[in-house]
Amino acid sequence: MKSIRYHLHFMVLFPISVGISSVNLFFGVQYSLF
Protein backbone atom coordinates (compact mmCIF):
# COMPACT_ATOMS: atom_id res chain seq x y z
CA MET A 1 0.00 0.00 0.00
CA LYS A 2 2.81 2.37 0.91
CA SER A 3 4.70 1.61 -2.32
CA ILE A 4 1.56 2.31 -4.41
CA ARG A 5 1.12 5.67 -2.69
CA TYR A 6 4.80 6.50 -3.28
CA HIS A 7 4.48 5.54 -6.95
CA LEU A 8 1.43 7.78 -7.42
CA HIS A 9 3.23 10.63 -5.66
CA PHE A 10 6.19 10.22 -8.04
CA MET A 11 3.91 10.03 -11.09
CA VAL A 12 2.33 13.35 -10.05
CA LEU A 13 5.50 15.20 -9.06
CA PHE A 14 7.78 14.10 -11.90
CA PRO A 15 5.80 15.67 -14.83
CA ILE A 16 5.36 18.88 -12.78
CA SER A 17 9.11 19.20 -12.18
CA VAL A 18 9.87 18.38 -15.83
CA GLY A 19 7.32 20.96 -17.00
CA ILE A 20 8.77 23.64 -14.71
CA SER A 21 12.32 22.93 -15.89
CA SER A 22 11.29 22.93 -19.57
CA VAL A 23 9.41 26.23 -19.17
CA ASN A 24 12.45 27.66 -17.36
CA LEU A 25 14.71 26.52 -20.20
CA PHE A 26 12.32 27.91 -22.83
CA PHE A 27 12.20 31.35 -21.21
CA GLY A 28 15.97 31.31 -20.73
CA VAL A 29 16.50 30.63 -24.46
CA GLN A 30 13.93 33.27 -25.42
CA TYR A 31 15.57 35.83 -23.11
CA SER A 32 19.03 35.14 -24.55
CA LEU A 33 17.72 35.41 -28.13
CA PHE A 34 15.70 38.62 -27.62
C-alpha atoms as a PDB file:
ATOM      1  CA  MET A   1       0.000   0.000   0.000  1.00  0.00           C
ATOM      2  CA  LYS A   2       2.806   2.371   0.905  1.00  0.00           C
ATOM      3  CA  SER A   3       4.697   1.607  -2.320  1.00  0.00           C
ATOM      4  CA  ILE A   4       1.565   2.311  -4.408  1.00  0.00           C
ATOM      5  CA  ARG A   5       1.119   5.672  -2.695  1.00  0.00           C
ATOM      6  CA  TYR A   6       4.800   6.503  -3.284  1.00  0.00           C
ATOM      7  CA  HIS A   7       4.483   5.542  -6.950  1.00  0.00           C
ATOM      8  CA  LEU A   8       1.429   7.780  -7.424  1.00  0.00           C
ATOM      9  CA  HIS A   9       3.230  10.629  -5.663  1.00  0.00           C
ATOM     10  CA  PHE A  10       6.188  10.216  -8.037  1.00  0.00           C
ATOM     11  CA  MET A  11       3.906  10.035 -11.090  1.00  0.00           C
ATOM     12  CA  VAL A  12       2.328  13.351 -10.048  1.00  0.00           C
ATOM     13  CA  LEU A  13       5.502  15.203  -9.056  1.00  0.00           C
ATOM     14  CA  PHE A  14       7.781  14.096 -11.902  1.00  0.00           C
ATOM     15  CA  PRO A  15       5.805  15.672 -14.827  1.00  0.00           C
ATOM     16  CA  ILE A  16       5.357  18.879 -12.784  1.00  0.00           C
ATOM     17  CA  SER A  17       9.106  19.199 -12.178  1.00  0.00           C
ATOM     18  CA  VAL A  18       9.869  18.376 -15.829  1.00  0.00           C
ATOM     19  CA  GLY A  19       7.323  20.961 -16.998  1.00  0.00           C
ATOM     20  CA  ILE A  20       8.768  23.642 -14.713  1.00  0.00           C
ATOM     21  CA  SER A  21      12.321  22.933 -15.889  1.00  0.00           C
ATOM     22  CA  SER A  22      11.286  22.932 -19.570  1.00  0.00           C
ATOM     23  CA  VAL A  23       9.408  26.233 -19.165  1.00  0.00           C
ATOM     24  CA  ASN A  24      12.449  27.661 -17.358  1.00  0.00           C
ATOM     25  CA  LEU A  25      14.711  26.516 -20.199  1.00  0.00           C
ATOM     26  CA  PHE A  26      12.323  27.908 -22.830  1.00  0.00           C
ATOM     27  CA  PHE A  27      12.201  31.349 -21.208  1.00  0.00           C
ATOM     28  CA  GLY A  28      15.973  31.312 -20.732  1.00  0.00           C
ATOM     29  CA  VAL A  29      16.504  30.634 -24.455  1.00  0.00           C
ATOM     30  CA  GLN A  30      13.933  33.270 -25.418  1.00  0.00           C
ATOM     31  CA  TYR A  31      15.568  35.826 -23.111  1.00  0.00           C
ATOM     32  CA  SER A  32      19.027  35.144 -24.547  1.00  0.00           C
ATOM     33  CA  LEU A  33      17.724  35.408 -28.133  1.00  0.00           C
ATOM     34  CA  PHE A  34      15.700  38.624 -27.615  1.00  0.00           C
END
